[in-house]
Protein backbone atom coordinates (compact mmCIF):
# COMPACT_ATOMS: atom_id res chain seq x y z
CA MET A 1 21.99 25.51 15.75
CA THR A 2 24.11 22.48 15.04
CA ARG A 3 23.18 19.55 12.77
CA LYS A 4 22.99 17.33 15.79
CA GLU A 5 19.85 18.81 17.25
CA PHE A 6 16.31 17.54 16.28
CA PRO A 7 14.16 19.60 14.14
CA THR A 8 11.81 22.09 15.80
CA ILE A 9 8.16 22.22 15.16
CA HIS A 10 5.75 24.90 15.26
CA PHE A 11 1.88 24.53 15.99
CA TYR A 12 -0.77 26.57 17.41
CA ASP A 13 -1.34 23.99 20.19
CA GLN A 14 1.59 24.05 22.37
CA ASP A 15 0.82 20.73 24.05
CA PHE A 16 1.33 19.00 20.69
CA VAL A 17 4.83 20.64 20.43
CA ASP A 18 5.68 19.69 24.03
CA LEU A 19 4.70 16.14 23.36
CA TYR A 20 6.92 16.13 20.26
CA ASN A 21 9.90 17.53 21.99
CA GLN A 22 9.50 15.15 24.96
CA THR A 23 9.41 12.20 22.84
CA TRP A 24 12.87 12.98 21.44
CA ALA A 25 14.05 13.62 25.02
CA TRP A 26 12.70 10.28 26.30
CA LEU A 27 14.26 8.36 23.30
CA GLN A 28 17.70 9.18 24.71
CA ASP A 29 17.01 6.42 27.38
CA PHE A 30 16.07 3.88 24.59
CA GLN A 31 19.56 3.95 22.91
CA LYS A 32 21.18 0.58 23.18
CA LYS A 33 24.45 -0.90 22.30
CA GLY A 34 25.29 -4.08 20.60
CA THR A 35 27.60 -6.58 22.24
CA THR A 36 30.16 -9.21 21.03
CA ARG A 37 27.62 -11.83 22.12
CA ASN A 38 24.49 -10.54 20.61
CA LYS A 39 26.17 -9.09 17.56
CA LEU A 40 23.72 -6.29 17.38
CA GLU A 41 24.25 -2.88 15.85
CA ALA A 42 26.49 -0.42 17.75
CA LYS A 43 23.66 1.95 18.44
CA TYR A 44 19.91 1.00 18.08
CA LEU A 45 16.79 1.98 19.83
CA ASN A 46 14.68 -0.46 21.91
CA HIS A 47 12.37 -0.33 24.86
CA PRO A 48 14.30 -0.83 28.13
CA GLY A 49 11.77 -3.63 29.20
CA ASN A 50 12.26 -5.65 26.03
CA GLU A 51 14.12 -8.84 26.31
CA THR A 52 14.13 -9.18 22.46
CA ILE A 53 14.40 -6.83 19.40
CA ASN A 54 11.15 -7.28 17.42
CA GLN A 55 10.83 -6.99 13.67
CA PHE A 56 7.42 -5.24 13.68
CA GLU A 57 8.49 -2.56 16.19
CA SER A 58 11.79 -2.07 14.69
CA CYS A 59 10.26 -1.59 11.20
CA PHE A 60 7.83 0.87 12.40
CA SER A 61 10.30 2.83 14.50
CA THR A 62 12.18 3.75 11.22
CA PHE A 63 9.35 5.96 10.33
CA PHE A 64 10.07 8.56 12.97
CA CYS A 65 13.80 7.88 13.42
CA VAL A 66 14.19 9.44 9.88
CA TYR A 67 13.33 12.82 11.43
CA SER A 68 15.94 12.74 13.99
CA ASN A 69 18.66 14.61 11.88
CA ARG A 70 20.61 11.53 11.98
CA ILE A 71 20.88 11.43 15.85
CA PHE A 72 19.00 8.04 15.76
CA ALA A 73 20.14 5.84 12.84
CA ALA A 74 16.86 4.60 11.41
CA SER A 75 18.79 1.97 9.30
CA ALA A 76 20.21 0.34 12.45
CA GLN A 77 16.75 -0.61 13.46
CA ILE A 78 16.36 -2.92 10.54
CA ASP A 79 20.10 -3.75 9.94
CA ASN A 80 19.91 -5.68 13.14
CA PHE A 81 17.58 -8.11 11.27
CA TYR A 82 19.45 -8.42 7.96
CA ALA A 83 22.43 -9.26 10.07
CA LYS A 84 20.71 -12.36 11.41
CA GLN A 85 19.33 -13.47 8.00
CA GLU A 86 19.48 -17.41 7.50
CA LYS A 87 20.95 -18.92 4.29
CA ASP A 88 17.53 -19.88 3.11
CA GLY A 89 16.41 -16.15 3.48
CA ALA A 90 14.55 -16.49 6.70
CA ILE A 91 14.29 -13.51 8.92
CA ARG A 92 12.75 -14.17 12.26
CA CYS A 93 10.35 -11.77 14.20
CA ASP A 94 12.40 -11.83 17.58
CA TYR A 95 15.97 -12.12 18.52
CA GLY A 96 17.18 -12.11 22.17
CA VAL A 97 19.03 -8.99 23.35
CA ARG A 98 21.56 -11.22 25.49
CA ASP A 99 22.59 -13.77 23.03
CA GLY A 100 21.26 -12.46 19.58
CA LYS A 101 19.57 -15.81 18.96
CA PRO A 102 16.12 -16.14 17.36
CA VAL A 103 13.18 -16.58 19.76
CA PHE A 104 10.34 -18.98 18.68
CA THR A 105 6.92 -19.56 20.29
CA ARG A 106 4.49 -22.41 19.99
CA ASP A 107 1.74 -20.21 18.16
CA ASN A 108 4.30 -18.91 15.80
CA PRO A 109 6.68 -21.66 15.11
CA ALA A 110 8.45 -20.03 12.04
CA GLY A 111 8.99 -16.68 13.86
CA LEU A 112 7.10 -14.71 11.39
CA ASN A 113 6.19 -11.02 11.38
CA PRO A 114 4.49 -8.75 8.81
CA PRO A 115 7.03 -8.33 5.85
CA LEU A 116 7.48 -4.49 6.04
CA PHE A 117 11.29 -4.15 5.29
CA ALA A 118 10.62 -2.91 1.64
CA TRP A 119 8.24 -0.27 2.69
CA ALA A 120 10.60 0.85 5.42
CA GLU A 121 13.44 0.96 3.00
CA TYR A 122 11.54 2.96 0.34
CA ASN A 123 10.68 5.58 2.96
CA MET A 124 14.06 5.95 4.33
CA TYR A 125 15.43 6.26 0.84
CA HIS A 126 13.15 9.39 0.26
CA LYS A 127 14.23 10.85 3.80
CA ILE A 128 17.82 10.05 3.77
CA GLY A 129 18.65 9.59 0.06
CA ASN A 130 21.20 6.53 0.20
CA LYS A 131 20.81 4.84 -3.07
CA LYS A 132 23.99 2.70 -2.39
CA ARG A 133 22.10 1.26 0.58
CA ILE A 134 19.31 -0.08 -1.67
CA ARG A 135 21.70 -1.65 -4.02
CA ASP A 136 23.51 -3.39 -0.98
CA ILE A 137 20.41 -4.71 0.95
CA MET A 138 18.45 -5.74 -2.29
CA PRO A 139 19.74 -9.25 -2.34
CA LYS A 140 18.70 -9.69 1.22
CA LEU A 141 15.20 -8.43 0.50
CA GLU A 142 14.92 -10.75 -2.45
CA ALA A 143 16.11 -13.80 -0.57
CA TYR A 144 13.48 -12.90 2.24
CA PHE A 145 10.65 -12.61 -0.19
CA GLU A 146 11.48 -15.86 -1.89
CA TRP A 147 11.68 -17.62 1.55
CA LEU A 148 8.01 -16.20 2.45
CA GLU A 149 6.77 -17.32 -0.99
CA LYS A 150 8.41 -20.93 -1.02
CA ASN A 151 7.07 -21.74 2.55
CA PHE A 152 3.83 -19.85 3.02
CA CYS A 153 2.19 -19.16 -0.33
CA LYS A 154 -0.33 -21.92 -1.06
CA ASP A 155 -1.72 -23.23 -4.46
CA ASN A 156 -4.43 -20.69 -4.40
CA GLY A 157 -1.95 -17.92 -4.52
CA LEU A 158 -2.54 -16.63 -0.99
CA TYR A 159 -0.32 -16.85 2.12
CA SER A 160 -1.29 -18.92 5.05
CA VAL A 161 0.31 -17.95 8.27
CA PRO A 162 -0.65 -18.25 11.98
CA LEU A 163 -2.51 -15.41 13.71
CA ALA A 164 0.50 -14.80 15.88
CA ALA A 165 2.45 -13.74 12.64
CA THR A 166 0.09 -10.94 12.29
CA THR A 167 0.96 -9.50 15.74
CA MET A 168 -2.86 -9.44 16.60
CA THR A 169 -2.70 -12.40 19.10
CA ASN A 170 -5.99 -12.26 20.85
CA ALA A 171 -8.18 -10.82 17.98
CA PRO A 172 -11.37 -12.80 17.48
CA ARG A 173 -9.88 -14.37 14.23
CA LYS A 174 -9.67 -17.92 15.49
CA LYS A 175 -10.85 -19.71 12.37
CA ILE A 176 -8.53 -17.92 9.80
CA ARG A 177 -6.19 -19.71 7.62
CA TYR A 178 -5.49 -16.87 5.08
CA PRO A 179 -5.20 -13.53 7.04
CA ILE A 180 -6.19 -10.45 4.96
CA ASP A 181 -3.48 -8.52 6.75
CA PHE A 182 -0.56 -10.77 5.94
CA ASN A 183 -1.60 -11.15 2.40
CA ALA A 184 -1.94 -7.30 1.75
CA GLN A 185 1.41 -6.89 3.47
CA GLN A 186 3.15 -9.19 1.14
CA ALA A 187 1.42 -7.29 -1.75
CA LEU A 188 2.82 -4.20 -0.16
CA ASN A 189 6.18 -5.79 0.15
CA ALA A 190 5.93 -6.68 -3.68
CA LEU A 191 4.86 -3.07 -4.60
CA TYR A 192 7.77 -1.40 -2.73
CA MET A 193 10.19 -4.20 -3.97
CA SER A 194 9.36 -3.04 -7.56
CA GLU A 195 9.56 0.51 -6.63
CA LEU A 196 13.21 -0.26 -5.24
CA GLY A 197 13.87 -1.85 -8.35
CA ASP A 198 12.90 1.38 -10.23
CA ILE A 199 15.24 3.35 -8.01
CA LEU A 200 18.08 0.93 -9.10
CA ASN A 201 16.98 1.27 -12.97
CA ASP A 202 16.76 -2.58 -12.69
CA LYS A 203 13.90 -3.27 -15.20
CA ASP A 204 14.12 -7.16 -14.22
CA ILE A 205 13.67 -6.50 -10.39
CA SER A 206 10.84 -3.92 -11.20
CA PHE A 207 8.93 -6.23 -13.37
CA LYS A 208 9.40 -9.37 -11.43
CA TYR A 209 7.81 -7.94 -8.28
CA LYS A 210 5.18 -5.97 -10.10
CA ARG A 211 3.93 -9.28 -11.48
CA HIS A 212 3.85 -10.61 -7.90
CA TYR A 213 1.92 -7.67 -6.92
CA PHE A 214 -0.77 -7.71 -9.44
CA SER A 215 -1.18 -11.54 -9.11
CA LEU A 216 -1.90 -11.03 -5.20
CA LYS A 217 -3.88 -7.92 -5.70
CA THR A 218 -6.13 -9.79 -8.08
CA ARG A 219 -6.63 -12.87 -5.68
CA VAL A 220 -7.16 -10.51 -2.53
CA ASN A 221 -9.78 -8.55 -4.41
CA GLN A 222 -11.63 -11.69 -5.83
CA MET A 223 -11.55 -13.77 -2.71
CA MET A 224 -11.32 -11.44 0.34
CA TRP A 225 -13.43 -8.36 -0.62
CA ASN A 226 -17.11 -8.27 0.66
CA ALA A 227 -19.28 -6.02 -1.40
CA GLU A 228 -22.26 -6.17 0.88
CA ASP A 229 -20.22 -4.96 3.92
CA GLY A 230 -17.67 -2.85 1.96
CA PHE A 231 -14.82 -4.67 3.74
CA TYR A 232 -11.97 -7.10 3.38
CA TYR A 233 -12.03 -10.19 5.38
CA ASP A 234 -9.87 -13.16 6.34
CA LEU A 235 -10.56 -16.58 4.92
CA ASP A 236 -10.87 -19.86 6.68
CA ALA A 237 -9.44 -23.28 5.64
CA ASN A 238 -12.35 -23.86 3.05
CA GLU A 239 -11.40 -20.40 1.58
CA GLN A 240 -14.83 -18.79 2.99
CA GLN A 241 -14.86 -15.38 4.38
CA VAL A 242 -14.58 -14.99 8.28
CA ARG A 243 -16.89 -12.10 8.64
CA VAL A 244 -15.22 -10.30 11.53
CA LYS A 245 -14.38 -6.56 10.93
CA THR A 246 -10.86 -6.02 12.46
CA ILE A 247 -8.08 -3.34 11.67
CA ALA A 248 -6.41 -5.73 9.47
CA GLY A 249 -8.92 -5.05 6.81
CA PHE A 250 -7.35 -1.74 6.12
CA TRP A 251 -3.92 -3.00 5.07
CA PRO A 252 -5.17 -3.29 1.50
CA LEU A 253 -5.56 0.62 1.53
CA LEU A 254 -1.83 1.04 2.26
CA ALA A 255 -1.09 -1.52 -0.42
CA GLU A 256 -3.30 0.27 -3.00
CA LEU A 257 -5.25 -2.86 -3.59
CA PRO A 258 -8.84 -1.46 -3.90
CA ASN A 259 -10.15 0.37 -6.86
CA GLU A 260 -12.56 3.37 -6.33
CA ALA A 261 -15.69 1.20 -6.09
CA LYS A 262 -14.08 -0.65 -3.09
CA SER A 263 -12.15 2.20 -1.52
CA ASP A 264 -15.02 4.37 -1.05
CA PRO A 265 -17.03 2.10 1.19
CA LEU A 266 -13.85 1.01 2.93
CA ILE A 267 -12.99 4.66 3.86
CA ALA A 268 -16.58 5.02 4.85
CA HIS A 269 -15.82 2.77 7.70
CA VAL A 270 -13.05 5.27 8.89
CA ARG A 271 -15.81 7.95 9.35
CA ASN A 272 -18.51 5.67 10.72
CA PRO A 273 -18.39 5.83 14.52
CA ALA A 274 -20.37 2.40 14.87
CA THR A 275 -17.44 0.62 13.27
CA PHE A 276 -13.94 2.32 13.17
CA GLY A 277 -14.52 5.90 13.46
CA THR A 278 -14.52 5.97 17.22
CA GLU A 279 -13.44 8.97 19.20
CA ASN A 280 -9.95 7.78 19.42
CA PRO A 281 -9.53 6.23 15.84
CA PHE A 282 -8.99 3.38 14.93
CA PRO A 283 -9.89 0.48 17.32
CA THR A 284 -8.51 -2.99 16.36
CA LEU A 285 -11.96 -4.55 16.23
CA ALA A 286 -14.98 -2.77 14.83
CA ALA A 287 -17.39 -1.15 17.59
CA ASP A 288 -20.30 -3.19 16.21
CA GLU A 289 -18.54 -6.61 16.61
CA PRO A 290 -19.99 -8.83 19.43
CA ASP A 291 -16.55 -9.22 20.84
CA PHE A 292 -15.74 -5.41 20.93
CA ASP A 293 -14.29 -4.31 24.23
CA GLU A 294 -14.57 -0.65 25.15
CA SER A 295 -11.55 -0.86 27.43
CA GLY A 296 -9.62 -2.19 24.61
CA GLY A 297 -9.07 -5.80 25.70
CA GLY A 298 -5.80 -6.20 23.65
CA TYR A 299 -6.79 -6.47 19.98
CA LYS A 300 -10.57 -6.55 20.74
CA GLY A 301 -10.73 -2.80 20.53
CA SER A 302 -7.55 -1.23 21.75
CA VAL A 303 -6.06 1.62 19.55
CA TYR A 304 -2.33 0.99 18.83
CA PRO A 305 -0.37 3.77 17.27
CA PRO A 306 1.31 1.49 14.49
CA PHE A 307 -2.28 0.50 13.39
CA THR A 308 -3.45 4.22 13.54
CA PHE A 309 -0.41 5.11 11.42
CA MET A 310 -1.03 2.40 8.81
CA VAL A 311 -4.69 3.51 8.28
CA ILE A 312 -3.78 7.16 8.12
CA LYS A 313 -0.99 6.29 5.45
CA GLY A 314 -3.39 4.27 3.54
CA LEU A 315 -6.06 7.25 3.63
CA GLU A 316 -3.14 9.43 1.96
CA LYS A 317 -2.91 6.90 -0.83
CA TYR A 318 -6.54 7.80 -1.83
CA GLY A 319 -6.12 11.41 -1.42
CA ALA A 320 -8.02 11.59 1.88
CA PHE A 321 -5.69 14.14 3.37
CA GLU A 322 -8.11 16.17 5.40
CA LEU A 323 -9.76 12.99 6.99
CA ALA A 324 -6.16 11.61 7.63
CA ARG A 325 -5.32 14.83 9.56
CA GLU A 326 -8.43 15.04 11.49
CA CYS A 327 -7.88 11.48 12.69
CA ALA A 328 -4.23 12.29 13.58
CA ILE A 329 -5.26 15.22 15.63
CA ARG A 330 -8.03 13.28 17.42
CA HIS A 331 -5.65 10.42 18.29
CA LEU A 332 -3.01 12.76 19.61
CA TYR A 333 -5.44 14.47 21.87
CA TYR A 334 -6.14 11.12 23.47
CA MET A 335 -2.40 10.66 23.96
CA LEU A 336 -2.24 14.14 25.57
CA ASP A 337 -5.03 13.12 27.98
CA THR A 338 -2.83 10.33 29.46
CA LEU A 339 0.25 12.59 29.50
CA HIS A 340 -1.50 15.40 31.48
CA PRO A 341 -4.12 13.45 33.66
CA GLU A 342 -6.27 15.30 36.21
CA GLY A 343 -5.59 14.90 39.80
CA ARG A 344 -2.42 13.51 41.35
CA GLU A 345 -1.90 10.57 39.02
CA LYS A 346 1.43 10.65 36.91
CA GLY A 347 1.08 11.13 33.21
CA ASN A 348 2.57 8.73 30.62
CA VAL A 349 2.23 7.63 27.09
CA TRP A 350 1.30 4.07 26.37
CA GLU A 351 1.39 1.09 24.15
CA ALA A 352 -2.24 1.13 23.49
CA TYR A 353 -5.28 3.31 24.23
CA GLN A 354 -9.13 3.01 24.79
CA PRO A 355 -11.14 3.72 21.70
CA ARG A 356 -14.02 5.68 23.37
CA LYS A 357 -12.75 7.43 26.44
CA GLU A 358 -9.41 8.66 27.53
CA GLY A 359 -6.90 6.35 29.41
CA GLN A 360 -4.67 3.66 28.46
CA ALA A 361 -6.23 0.29 27.20
CA LYS A 362 -6.95 -2.58 29.53
CA TRP A 363 -6.67 -6.42 28.80
CA ARG A 364 -8.02 -8.55 31.65
CA GLY A 365 -5.54 -11.01 32.81
CA LYS A 366 -2.61 -9.74 30.80
CA GLN A 367 0.13 -8.71 32.98
CA GLY A 368 2.26 -5.76 31.82
CA PHE A 369 -0.25 -4.48 29.43
CA PRO A 370 -0.17 -1.74 28.25
CA ARG A 371 3.57 -1.08 28.35
CA PRO A 372 4.15 2.61 29.54
CA MET A 373 6.29 4.86 27.57
CA PHE A 374 6.35 2.53 24.75
CA LEU A 375 8.05 4.92 22.29
CA LEU A 376 8.86 2.45 19.46
CA TYR A 377 4.99 2.74 18.90
CA THR A 378 3.94 6.11 20.35
CA GLY A 379 6.74 7.96 18.35
CA LEU A 380 4.87 7.14 15.21
CA SER A 381 2.03 9.56 16.44
CA SER A 382 3.98 12.22 18.33
CA ILE A 383 6.72 12.78 15.68
CA ALA A 384 5.90 11.06 12.38
CA LEU A 385 2.03 11.89 12.17
CA MET A 386 2.88 15.19 13.73
CA ILE A 387 5.36 16.21 10.88
CA GLU A 388 3.46 14.52 7.96
CA ASN A 389 -0.27 14.80 8.75
CA VAL A 390 -0.68 17.68 11.38
CA ILE A 391 1.81 20.03 9.92
CA GLY A 392 1.46 18.21 6.62
CA LEU A 393 4.99 18.08 5.20
CA TYR A 394 5.97 15.28 2.59
CA ILE A 395 9.71 15.05 1.88
CA SER A 396 11.58 13.32 -0.86
CA LEU A 397 15.39 13.86 -0.62
CA PRO A 398 16.35 12.32 -4.01
CA ARG A 399 13.73 14.42 -5.82
CA LYS A 400 14.78 17.49 -3.83
CA THR A 401 11.03 18.15 -3.09
CA VAL A 402 9.10 19.21 -0.02
CA ASP A 403 5.21 19.09 -0.35
CA TRP A 404 3.13 21.01 2.10
CA ILE A 405 -0.45 19.75 2.15
CA ILE A 406 -2.80 21.46 4.48
CA PRO A 407 -6.68 21.98 4.62
CA THR A 408 -6.42 25.51 6.00
CA LEU A 409 -3.57 28.08 6.71
CA GLU A 410 -2.47 27.86 10.43
CA ILE A 411 0.58 29.22 12.33
CA MET A 412 2.96 26.10 12.09
CA GLY A 413 5.91 24.82 10.33
CA ILE A 414 9.32 23.31 10.99
CA GLU A 415 12.81 24.54 11.63
CA ASN A 416 16.26 22.97 10.76
CA LEU A 417 15.04 19.92 9.27
CA SER A 418 18.12 18.06 7.68
CA LEU A 419 17.65 16.78 4.08
CA LYS A 420 21.10 15.25 3.94
CA ARG A 421 23.47 18.28 4.02
CA ASN A 422 20.75 20.84 3.68
CA LEU A 423 18.95 22.33 6.64
CA VAL A 424 15.45 23.41 5.73
CA THR A 425 13.05 25.72 7.52
CA ILE A 426 9.44 26.31 6.55
CA LEU A 427 7.14 28.40 8.80
CA SER A 428 3.61 30.03 7.89
CA ASN A 429 2.50 33.16 9.76
CA LYS A 430 -0.22 35.72 9.62
CA THR A 431 1.17 39.18 8.79
CA SER A 432 -0.22 42.62 8.01
CA ARG A 433 0.14 41.70 4.41
CA GLY A 434 -1.78 38.44 4.87
CA TRP A 435 -0.60 34.90 5.14
CA GLU A 436 3.24 34.66 4.60
CA ILE A 437 5.38 31.48 4.29
CA ARG A 438 9.02 32.01 5.28
CA LEU A 439 11.60 29.58 3.87
CA GLU A 440 15.14 29.13 4.67
CA SER A 441 17.69 26.56 2.97
CA GLU A 442 21.32 26.02 2.41
CA LYS A 443 20.64 24.50 -1.16
CA LEU A 444 18.07 24.62 -3.94
CA TYR A 445 14.97 22.52 -3.63
CA TYR A 446 11.33 22.38 -5.05
CA PHE A 447 8.55 23.38 -2.69
CA THR A 448 4.87 22.54 -3.33
CA ILE A 449 2.23 24.08 -1.28
CA GLU A 450 -1.32 22.70 -1.70
CA ILE A 451 -4.24 24.22 0.43
CA LEU A 452 -6.85 21.74 -0.12
CA GLY A 453 -9.55 22.84 -2.61
CA GLN A 454 -7.92 26.24 -2.99
CA LYS A 455 -4.41 26.53 -4.31
CA LYS A 456 -1.62 24.42 -5.49
CA LYS A 457 1.86 25.85 -6.46
CA THR A 458 5.24 24.47 -6.95
CA LEU A 459 8.25 26.83 -6.82
CA PRO A 460 12.07 26.43 -6.95
CA ILE A 461 13.48 27.61 -3.39
CA PRO A 462 16.92 29.15 -3.83
CA SER A 463 19.56 28.80 -1.03
CA GLY A 464 19.19 31.47 1.71
CA LYS A 465 16.13 33.10 3.06
CA CYS A 466 13.09 34.07 1.16
CA SER A 467 9.21 34.45 1.75
CA MET A 468 6.14 34.36 -0.19
CA LEU A 469 2.55 35.79 0.31
CA ILE A 470 -0.16 33.11 -0.21
CA GLU A 471 -2.58 35.56 -1.89
CA LYS A 472 0.20 36.41 -4.63
CA LEU A 473 0.47 32.83 -5.75
């Protein structure tokens, strides 16, 4: 196998494997080329029906592009936006694919989107290992952070942005002035800016953004947490909580804002079928809210892969690996239902799904919703969640580590995953001697296997082929 092939996965349910493989095949049609007019990257991914490149979509797409063995450049997805940065640090949410100019709307006059660049860069660093890139893009990230702070941070220390800036355009959050998601996202931004400073061994950067992070963390927990409901809420113009439970209330998990006393009741909502633990997790509006729409209704209950991805990554931060895996598998089964429908209807994957029954979401009066084959979103589920949560692999190239976290041993694994110039294969199988893990690598790395509640062991894996019996560990 050459390095120019995608990693191969193994799982006991072949439908999951087929969906993973099919996603990579479909993505070939999403490859776009920049022009002298739009000045976009030579090669990047975008949905064929998009008239713009979108910041939110592009940032999230990096989380599965990093597994393409460099066939799709994850960095190109966000380099398009750095290249368009304005002198004051502004980066807009949309740029036209024809002329490359920013696109503004009446409900989002500043062209804002969730500030996710630092999170995406941190993840890419651990999957690709390019420290020079962090040094090069840090001035752009700092200028962007300062632009957000200067223009949208108010005297109370919270950020005030329009609802459209959160992407949740028709969510029943009309009275909000201080969105919980944007404030948690800016805390997440500061958290990973500090982490990037640590990677560069720059104590000034690390301390500066850690201070921003803890300041915002304190304000969010003081003003936006509701102990009675066990949930985070938006604030209105009078700094009063708008008690509508939306998926936005889970961004603090990803940003590591709640302590144990807050995280436990918040995670309880993930398990609760009356709120967010629906059959297809997680609806964008809690199932017990008056405006909840069982058919989706846009952001009134639809299940969007990026938000499902966000909640699952938040669960990981609090050690809920088994719950995260269970939710990922349930979500993937609902994707498979639309890919293999009964009868003569043609199968597809979609931008958004219904929370309580199979099928794509519906939004009455919204033309073109949901977008079919919207891989910039669905690739998060069929590739990133498949590798990280269903199979359970967590990779850090700079640390030369692969962690395999699984609730129980199953026949599964990955072949020919590129760790820079090192192809790695990890497969588990049941043999006459018991459960065996076969490993193959071109260079040394450190492998940690954790069978939840049973065993955890870290071993150096030499170059070449080797195997280990689980019972001997």
